[in-house]
Amino acid sequence: MKRIYLVFILWLSLISSSLAAVGCDLNDPDRDVARFFPSSTGYKTTYFSISQKGSQARLTEIEKRLGDKFHGIYETADVPYTLYEVHQGKEKIGYIHGVNQKGQYGGIQVFLALDLDGNIKAFYFQKLTSKYAKQLRDSRFGEQFVGLNLKDFYGYDVISAKADVQSRVRGIKNPAPQAEDDFRAALRATKKNLILMDEFVWGNNFLKYLHSKTDN
């Protein structure tokens, strides 16, 4: 009877671990920080989650900014996010932050290297399960994100996958038309990534652009 009880407890622990919130860390932060910020001399790692930073109202506000509901194991309120704050000597020069996102064939991980003003310096798929991964990982695709920020992505609707005429997101071209679902997932992940950074790092500096868009 005791053996059956222990097996049952083990089974419950396996189930709970499979349903646990899924975080997103760089596989090799030393290498990647040096790659994205060649002048860097070090970095500091910090962790946060929506549940630590606020209540259900905070999650609702983030969903409003995204234009879509959070769902699945990648988007619970207790998902841990890892922030890499990059330094050159004593000076802070940028950030690296990644998010998990459901793709067509499984989870994908989208990392952004960002300057202090919230502009994208580099776009990087750390994980991508797709028949068309080669095309999506091509540097020419990632280069289309460089220079964009959350103001641009407020003009992109993650549900309809359409961008406003004024939004520079319209200029991002899908290198593999057959991978439309993964292309959309990449754009949604980027917008989500930028919103989380604004909520927890930049003090909602970009919120005014959402309000001005809503007012219009």
C-alpha atoms as a PDB file:
ATOM      1  CA  MET A   1       0.000   0.000   0.000  1.00  0.00           C
ATOM      2  CA  LYS A   2       2.860   2.310   0.885  1.00  0.00           C
ATOM      3  CA  ARG A   3       4.489   1.614  -2.500  1.00  0.00           C
ATOM      4  CA  ILE A   4       1.248   2.468  -4.314  1.00  0.00           C
ATOM      5  CA  TYR A   5       1.012   5.726  -2.354  1.00  0.00           C
ATOM      6  CA  LEU A   6       4.591   6.686  -3.276  1.00  0.00           C
ATOM      7  CA  VAL A   7       3.943   5.942  -6.948  1.00  0.00           C
ATOM      8  CA  PHE A   8       0.801   8.097  -6.804  1.00  0.00           C
ATOM      9  CA  ILE A   9       2.731  11.003  -5.250  1.00  0.00           C
ATOM     10  CA  LEU A  10       5.427  10.693  -7.917  1.00  0.00           C
ATOM     11  CA  TRP A  11       2.777  10.713 -10.646  1.00  0.00           C
ATOM     12  CA  LEU A  12       1.217  13.873  -9.194  1.00  0.00           C
ATOM     13  CA  SER A  13       4.610  15.591  -9.067  1.00  0.00           C
ATOM     14  CA  LEU A  14       5.266  14.743 -12.714  1.00  0.00           C
ATOM     15  CA  ILE A  15       1.859  16.086 -13.737  1.00  0.00           C
ATOM     16  CA  SER A  16       2.343  19.322 -11.782  1.00  0.00           C
ATOM     17  CA  SER A  17       5.840  19.860 -13.216  1.00  0.00           C
ATOM     18  CA  SER A  18       4.532  19.406 -16.767  1.00  0.00           C
ATOM     19  CA  LEU A  19       1.899  22.047 -16.119  1.00  0.00           C
ATOM     20  CA  ALA A  20       4.321  24.459 -14.432  1.00  0.00           C
ATOM     21  CA  ALA A  21       4.929  27.901 -15.820  1.00  0.00           C
ATOM     22  CA  VAL A  22       7.561  27.888 -18.546  1.00  0.00           C
ATOM     23  CA  GLY A  23      10.356  30.453 -18.304  1.00  0.00           C
ATOM     24  CA  CYS A  24      12.789  31.654 -20.973  1.00  0.00           C
ATOM     25  CA  ASP A  25      16.540  31.855 -20.358  1.00  0.00           C
ATOM     26  CA  LEU A  26      19.461  32.243 -22.733  1.00  0.00           C
ATOM     27  CA  ASN A  27      21.176  28.891 -23.256  1.00  0.00           C
ATOM     28  CA  ASP A  28      24.606  30.555 -23.265  1.00  0.00           C
ATOM     29  CA  PRO A  29      24.292  34.093 -21.855  1.00  0.00           C
ATOM     30  CA  ASP A  30      28.038  34.795 -21.859  1.00  0.00           C
ATOM     31  CA  ARG A  31      28.236  34.086 -25.585  1.00  0.00           C
ATOM     32  CA  ASP A  32      24.991  35.832 -26.515  1.00  0.00           C
ATOM     33  CA  VAL A  33      25.608  38.999 -24.503  1.00  0.00           C
ATOM     34  CA  ALA A  34      29.012  39.366 -26.174  1.00  0.00           C
ATOM     35  CA  ARG A  35      27.446  38.701 -29.582  1.00  0.00           C
ATOM     36  CA  PHE A  36      24.663  41.269 -29.263  1.00  0.00           C
ATOM     37  CA  PHE A  37      26.733  43.841 -27.350  1.00  0.00           C
ATOM     38  CA  PRO A  38      30.383  43.497 -28.485  1.00  0.00           C
ATOM     39  CA  SER A  39      31.515  46.368 -26.244  1.00  0.00           C
ATOM     40  CA  SER A  40      29.963  44.860 -23.106  1.00  0.00           C
ATOM     41  CA  THR A  41      32.083  43.939 -20.114  1.00  0.00           C
ATOM     42  CA  GLY A  42      29.427  42.107 -18.111  1.00  0.00           C
ATOM     43  CA  TYR A  43      25.742  41.706 -17.314  1.00  0.00           C
ATOM     44  CA  LYS A  44      23.356  41.339 -14.398  1.00  0.00           C
ATOM     45  CA  THR A  45      20.506  38.825 -14.382  1.00  0.00           C
ATOM     46  CA  THR A  46      17.206  39.584 -12.676  1.00  0.00           C
ATOM     47  CA  TYR A  47      13.879  37.757 -12.601  1.00  0.00           C
ATOM     48  CA  PHE A  48      10.272  38.880 -12.490  1.00  0.00           C
ATOM     49  CA  SER A  49       6.755  37.615 -13.090  1.00  0.00           C
ATOM     50  CA  ILE A  50       3.382  39.282 -13.494  1.00  0.00           C
ATOM     51  CA  SER A  51       2.112  37.681 -10.274  1.00  0.00           C
ATOM     52  CA  GLN A  52       5.073  39.116  -8.329  1.00  0.00           C
ATOM     53  CA  LYS A  53       4.623  42.579  -9.794  1.00  0.00           C
ATOM     54  CA  GLY A  54       0.882  42.942  -9.451  1.00  0.00           C
ATOM     55  CA  SER A  55      -2.555  41.412  -9.435  1.00  0.00           C
ATOM     56  CA  GLN A  56      -5.037  40.071 -11.965  1.00  0.00           C
ATOM     57  CA  ALA A  57      -5.672  43.700 -12.927  1.00  0.00           C
ATOM     58  CA  ARG A  58      -2.033  43.965 -14.053  1.00  0.00           C
ATOM     59  CA  LEU A  59      -2.427  40.922 -16.287  1.00  0.00           C
ATOM     60  CA  THR A  60      -5.641  42.357 -17.718  1.00  0.00           C
ATOM     61  CA  GLU A  61      -3.855  45.615 -18.540  1.00  0.00           C
ATOM     62  CA  ILE A  62      -1.041  43.734 -20.285  1.00  0.00           C
ATOM     63  CA  GLU A  63      -3.582  41.752 -22.320  1.00  0.00           C
ATOM     64  CA  LYS A  64      -5.267  45.011 -23.313  1.00  0.00           C
ATOM     65  CA  ARG A  65      -1.973  46.393 -24.545  1.00  0.00           C
ATOM     66  CA  LEU A  66      -1.280  43.182 -26.465  1.00  0.00           C
ATOM     67  CA  GLY A  67      -4.761  43.107 -27.981  1.00  0.00           C
ATOM     68  CA  ASP A  68      -5.182  39.431 -27.091  1.00  0.00           C
ATOM     69  CA  LYS A  69      -5.710  37.168 -24.094  1.00  0.00           C
ATOM     70  CA  PHE A  70      -2.870  35.275 -22.446  1.00  0.00           C
ATOM     71  CA  HIS A  71      -3.379  31.514 -22.666  1.00  0.00           C
ATOM     72  CA  GLY A  72      -1.544  28.226 -22.258  1.00  0.00           C
ATOM     73  CA  ILE A  73       1.498  27.303 -20.166  1.00  0.00           C
ATOM     74  CA  TYR A  74       3.609  30.013 -21.812  1.00  0.00           C
ATOM     75  CA  GLU A  75       1.389  32.866 -20.646  1.00  0.00           C
ATOM     76  CA  THR A  76       0.271  32.320 -17.064  1.00  0.00           C
ATOM     77  CA  ALA A  77       0.683  35.103 -14.508  1.00  0.00           C
ATOM     78  CA  ASP A  78       3.428  33.176 -12.699  1.00  0.00           C
ATOM     79  CA  VAL A  79       5.654  32.615 -15.740  1.00  0.00           C
ATOM     80  CA  PRO A  80       9.199  33.654 -14.709  1.00  0.00           C
ATOM     81  CA  TYR A  81      10.885  36.143 -17.044  1.00  0.00           C
ATOM     82  CA  THR A  82      14.666  36.528 -17.123  1.00  0.00           C
ATOM     83  CA  LEU A  83      16.133  39.949 -17.814  1.00  0.00           C
ATOM     84  CA  TYR A  84      19.761  40.432 -18.803  1.00  0.00           C
ATOM     85  CA  GLU A  85      20.952  43.966 -18.016  1.00  0.00           C
ATOM     86  CA  VAL A  86      24.103  44.584 -20.032  1.00  0.00           C
ATOM     87  CA  HIS A  87      26.984  46.783 -18.840  1.00  0.00           C
ATOM     88  CA  GLN A  88      30.095  48.397 -20.230  1.00  0.00           C
ATOM     89  CA  GLY A  89      32.196  49.091 -17.190  1.00  0.00           C
ATOM     90  CA  LYS A  90      29.880  50.791 -14.723  1.00  0.00           C
ATOM     91  CA  GLU A  91      27.558  52.014 -17.471  1.00  0.00           C
ATOM     92  CA  LYS A  92      24.340  50.223 -18.423  1.00  0.00           C
ATOM     93  CA  ILE A  93      24.124  49.943 -22.222  1.00  0.00           C
ATOM     94  CA  GLY A  94      21.138  47.715 -22.968  1.00  0.00           C
ATOM     95  CA  TYR A  95      18.997  44.673 -22.255  1.00  0.00           C
ATOM     96  CA  ILE A  96      18.309  41.196 -23.551  1.00  0.00           C
ATOM     97  CA  HIS A  97      14.912  39.649 -22.863  1.00  0.00           C
ATOM     98  CA  GLY A  98      13.093  36.626 -24.248  1.00  0.00           C
ATOM     99  CA  VAL A  99       9.595  35.159 -24.225  1.00  0.00           C
ATOM    100  CA  ASN A 100       8.026  31.815 -25.050  1.00  0.00           C
ATOM    101  CA  GLN A 101       5.306  31.692 -27.675  1.00  0.00           C
ATOM    102  CA  LYS A 102       3.213  28.890 -29.144  1.00  0.00           C
ATOM    103  CA  GLY A 103       4.134  28.239 -32.771  1.00  0.00           C
ATOM    104  CA  GLN A 104       2.587  25.989 -35.387  1.00  0.00           C
ATOM    105  CA  TYR A 105       4.659  22.927 -34.493  1.00  0.00           C
ATOM    106  CA  GLY A 106       5.538  23.694 -30.877  1.00  0.00           C
ATOM    107  CA  GLY A 107       6.958  26.369 -28.653  1.00  0.00           C
ATOM    108  CA  ILE A 108       9.276  29.068 -29.975  1.00  0.00           C
ATOM    109  CA  GLN A 109      11.554  31.418 -28.065  1.00  0.00           C
ATOM    110  CA  VAL A 110      12.028  34.980 -29.268  1.00  0.00           C
ATOM    111  CA  PHE A 111      14.799  37.083 -27.740  1.00  0.00           C
ATOM    112  CA  LEU A 112      15.303  40.785 -28.312  1.00  0.00           C
ATOM    113  CA  ALA A 113      18.457  42.816 -27.711  1.00  0.00           C
ATOM    114  CA  LEU A 114      17.302  46.332 -26.839  1.00  0.00           C
ATOM    115  CA  ASP A 115      18.918  49.702 -26.292  1.00  0.00           C
ATOM    116  CA  LEU A 116      18.084  51.842 -23.274  1.00  0.00           C
ATOM    117  CA  ASP A 117      15.353  53.705 -25.186  1.00  0.00           C
ATOM    118  CA  GLY A 118      13.446  50.536 -26.084  1.00  0.00           C
ATOM    119  CA  ASN A 119      14.585  50.162 -29.686  1.00  0.00           C
ATOM    120  CA  ILE A 120      15.350  46.686 -31.032  1.00  0.00           C
ATOM    121  CA  LYS A 121      19.050  46.096 -31.741  1.00  0.00           C
ATOM    122  CA  ALA A 122      18.682  42.417 -32.659  1.00  0.00           C
ATOM    123  CA  PHE A 123      15.966  39.794 -33.082  1.00  0.00           C
ATOM    124  CA  TYR A 124      16.855  36.186 -32.283  1.00  0.00           C
ATOM    125  CA  PHE A 125      15.055  32.823 -32.388  1.00  0.00           C
ATOM    126  CA  GLN A 126      16.655  30.691 -29.685  1.00  0.00           C
ATOM    127  CA  LYS A 127      14.120  27.906 -30.210  1.00  0.00           C
ATOM    128  CA  LEU A 128      12.102  27.350 -33.367  1.00  0.00           C
ATOM    129  CA  THR A 129      10.420  24.106 -34.369  1.00  0.00           C
ATOM    130  CA  SER A 130       9.285  24.642 -37.940  1.00  0.00           C
ATOM    131  CA  LYS A 131       9.648  23.120 -41.393  1.00  0.00           C
ATOM    132  CA  TYR A 132      10.748  26.571 -42.498  1.00  0.00           C
ATOM    133  CA  ALA A 133      13.148  27.328 -39.649  1.00  0.00           C
ATOM    134  CA  LYS A 134      16.029  27.979 -42.063  1.00  0.00           C
ATOM    135  CA  GLN A 135      14.158  30.814 -43.810  1.00  0.00           C
ATOM    136  CA  LEU A 136      12.901  32.324 -40.550  1.00  0.00           C
ATOM    137  CA  ARG A 137      16.346  32.145 -38.933  1.00  0.00           C
ATOM    138  CA  ASP A 138      17.932  33.890 -41.898  1.00  0.00           C
ATOM    139  CA  SER A 139      19.655  37.078 -40.729  1.00  0.00           C
ATOM    140  CA  ARG A 140      17.796  39.082 -43.377  1.00  0.00           C
ATOM    141  CA  PHE A 141      14.504  38.301 -41.625  1.00  0.00           C
ATOM    142  CA  GLY A 142      15.748  39.353 -38.189  1.00  0.00           C
ATOM    143  CA  GLU A 143      17.271  42.549 -39.572  1.00  0.00           C
ATOM    144  CA  GLN A 144      13.779  43.795 -40.439  1.00  0.00           C
ATOM    145  CA  PHE A 145      13.065  44.241 -36.697  1.00  0.00           C
ATOM    146  CA  VAL A 146      16.109  46.414 -35.997  1.00  0.00           C
ATOM    147  CA  GLY A 147      15.183  49.959 -35.000  1.00  0.00           C
ATOM    148  CA  LEU A 148      11.533  49.169 -34.261  1.00  0.00           C
ATOM    149  CA  ASN A 149       9.989  49.696 -30.839  1.00  0.00           C
ATOM    150  CA  LEU A 150       6.694  49.305 -29.013  1.00  0.00           C
ATOM    151  CA  LYS A 151       5.224  52.406 -30.647  1.00  0.00           C
ATOM    152  CA  ASP A 152       5.498  50.599 -33.984  1.00  0.00           C
ATOM    153  CA  PHE A 153       3.992  47.389 -32.627  1.00  0.00           C
ATOM    154  CA  TYR A 154       0.983  49.186 -31.161  1.00  0.00           C
ATOM    155  CA  GLY A 155      -0.010  49.590 -34.792  1.00  0.00           C
ATOM    156  CA  TYR A 156       0.027  45.809 -35.303  1.00  0.00           C
ATOM    157  CA  ASP A 157      -3.061  43.725 -34.455  1.00  0.00           C
ATOM    158  CA  VAL A 158      -1.910  40.291 -33.274  1.00  0.00           C
ATOM    159  CA  ILE A 159      -5.302  38.675 -33.987  1.00  0.00           C
ATOM    160  CA  SER A 160      -5.919  39.946 -37.526  1.00  0.00           C
ATOM    161  CA  ALA A 161      -2.163  40.091 -38.264  1.00  0.00           C
ATOM    162  CA  LYS A 162      -2.642  43.484 -39.916  1.00  0.00           C
ATOM    163  CA  ALA A 163      -0.574  46.609 -39.351  1.00  0.00           C
ATOM    164  CA  ASP A 164      -1.636  50.242 -39.640  1.00  0.00           C
ATOM    165  CA  VAL A 165      -0.372  52.229 -42.588  1.00  0.00           C
ATOM    166  CA  GLN A 166       1.734  54.352 -40.217  1.00  0.00           C
ATOM    167  CA  SER A 167       3.298  51.341 -38.490  1.00  0.00           C
ATOM    168  CA  ARG A 168       6.774  50.279 -39.586  1.00  0.00           C
ATOM    169  CA  VAL A 169       5.763  46.678 -38.800  1.00  0.00           C
ATOM    170  CA  ARG A 170       4.132  46.677 -42.245  1.00  0.00           C
ATOM    171  CA  GLY A 171       7.619  46.525 -43.673  1.00  0.00           C
ATOM    172  CA  ILE A 172       8.413  43.140 -42.099  1.00  0.00           C
ATOM    173  CA  LYS A 173       8.112  40.519 -44.839  1.00  0.00           C
ATOM    174  CA  ASN A 174       7.511  36.820 -44.266  1.00  0.00           C
ATOM    175  CA  PRO A 175      10.398  34.889 -45.885  1.00  0.00           C
ATOM    176  CA  ALA A 176       8.339  31.683 -46.076  1.00  0.00           C
ATOM    177  CA  PRO A 177       4.654  32.167 -46.992  1.00  0.00           C
ATOM    178  CA  GLN A 178       3.967  28.553 -45.986  1.00  0.00           C
ATOM    179  CA  ALA A 179       5.062  29.422 -42.436  1.00  0.00           C
ATOM    180  CA  GLU A 180       2.405  32.094 -41.896  1.00  0.00           C
ATOM    181  CA  ASP A 181       1.477  30.754 -38.435  1.00  0.00           C
ATOM    182  CA  ASP A 182       5.064  30.905 -37.205  1.00  0.00           C
ATOM    183  CA  PHE A 183       5.552  34.335 -38.787  1.00  0.00           C
ATOM    184  CA  ARG A 184       2.519  35.634 -36.900  1.00  0.00           C
ATOM    185  CA  ALA A 185       3.741  33.958 -33.716  1.00  0.00           C
ATOM    186  CA  ALA A 186       7.080  35.749 -34.055  1.00  0.00           C
ATOM    187  CA  LEU A 187       5.392  39.148 -34.389  1.00  0.00           C
ATOM    188  CA  ARG A 188       3.058  38.434 -31.459  1.00  0.00           C
ATOM    189  CA  ALA A 189       6.005  37.339 -29.320  1.00  0.00           C
ATOM    190  CA  THR A 190       7.900  40.516 -30.201  1.00  0.00           C
ATOM    191  CA  LYS A 191       4.973  42.743 -29.246  1.00  0.00           C
ATOM    192  CA  LYS A 192       4.463  40.811 -26.001  1.00  0.00           C
ATOM    193  CA  ASN A 193       8.168  41.033 -25.235  1.00  0.00           C
ATOM    194  CA  LEU A 194       8.195  44.821 -25.689  1.00  0.00           C
ATOM    195  CA  ILE A 195       5.059  45.290 -23.572  1.00  0.00           C
ATOM    196  CA  LEU A 196       6.521  43.295 -20.686  1.00  0.00           C
ATOM    197  CA  MET A 197       9.722  45.332 -20.890  1.00  0.00           C
ATOM    198  CA  ASP A 198       7.726  48.562 -20.781  1.00  0.00           C
ATOM    199  CA  GLU A 199       5.651  47.340 -17.839  1.00  0.00           C
ATOM    200  CA  PHE A 200       8.553  46.166 -15.712  1.00  0.00           C
ATOM    201  CA  VAL A 201      11.672  48.008 -16.902  1.00  0.00           C
ATOM    202  CA  TRP A 202      10.848  51.245 -18.718  1.00  0.00           C
ATOM    203  CA  GLY A 203       8.086  52.416 -16.372  1.00  0.00           C
ATOM    204  CA  ASN A 204       5.371  52.437 -19.059  1.00  0.00           C
ATOM    205  CA  ASN A 205       7.122  55.085 -21.132  1.00  0.00           C
ATOM    206  CA  PHE A 206       5.342  53.780 -24.243  1.00  0.00           C
ATOM    207  CA  LEU A 207       1.853  53.694 -22.724  1.00  0.00           C
ATOM    208  CA  LYS A 208       1.066  57.163 -24.062  1.00  0.00           C
ATOM    209  CA  TYR A 209       1.284  55.845 -27.614  1.00  0.00           C
ATOM    210  CA  LEU A 210      -1.362  53.237 -26.884  1.00  0.00           C
ATOM    211  CA  HIS A 211      -3.638  55.878 -25.392  1.00  0.00           C
ATOM    212  CA  SER A 212      -3.153  58.235 -28.323  1.00  0.00           C
ATOM    213  CA  LYS A 213      -3.970  55.401 -30.714  1.00  0.00           C
ATOM    214  CA  THR A 214      -7.099  54.542 -28.703  1.00  0.00           C
ATOM    215  CA  ASP A 215      -8.172  58.184 -28.628  1.00  0.00           C
ATOM    216  CA  ASN A 216      -7.887  58.380 -32.396  1.00  0.00           C
END
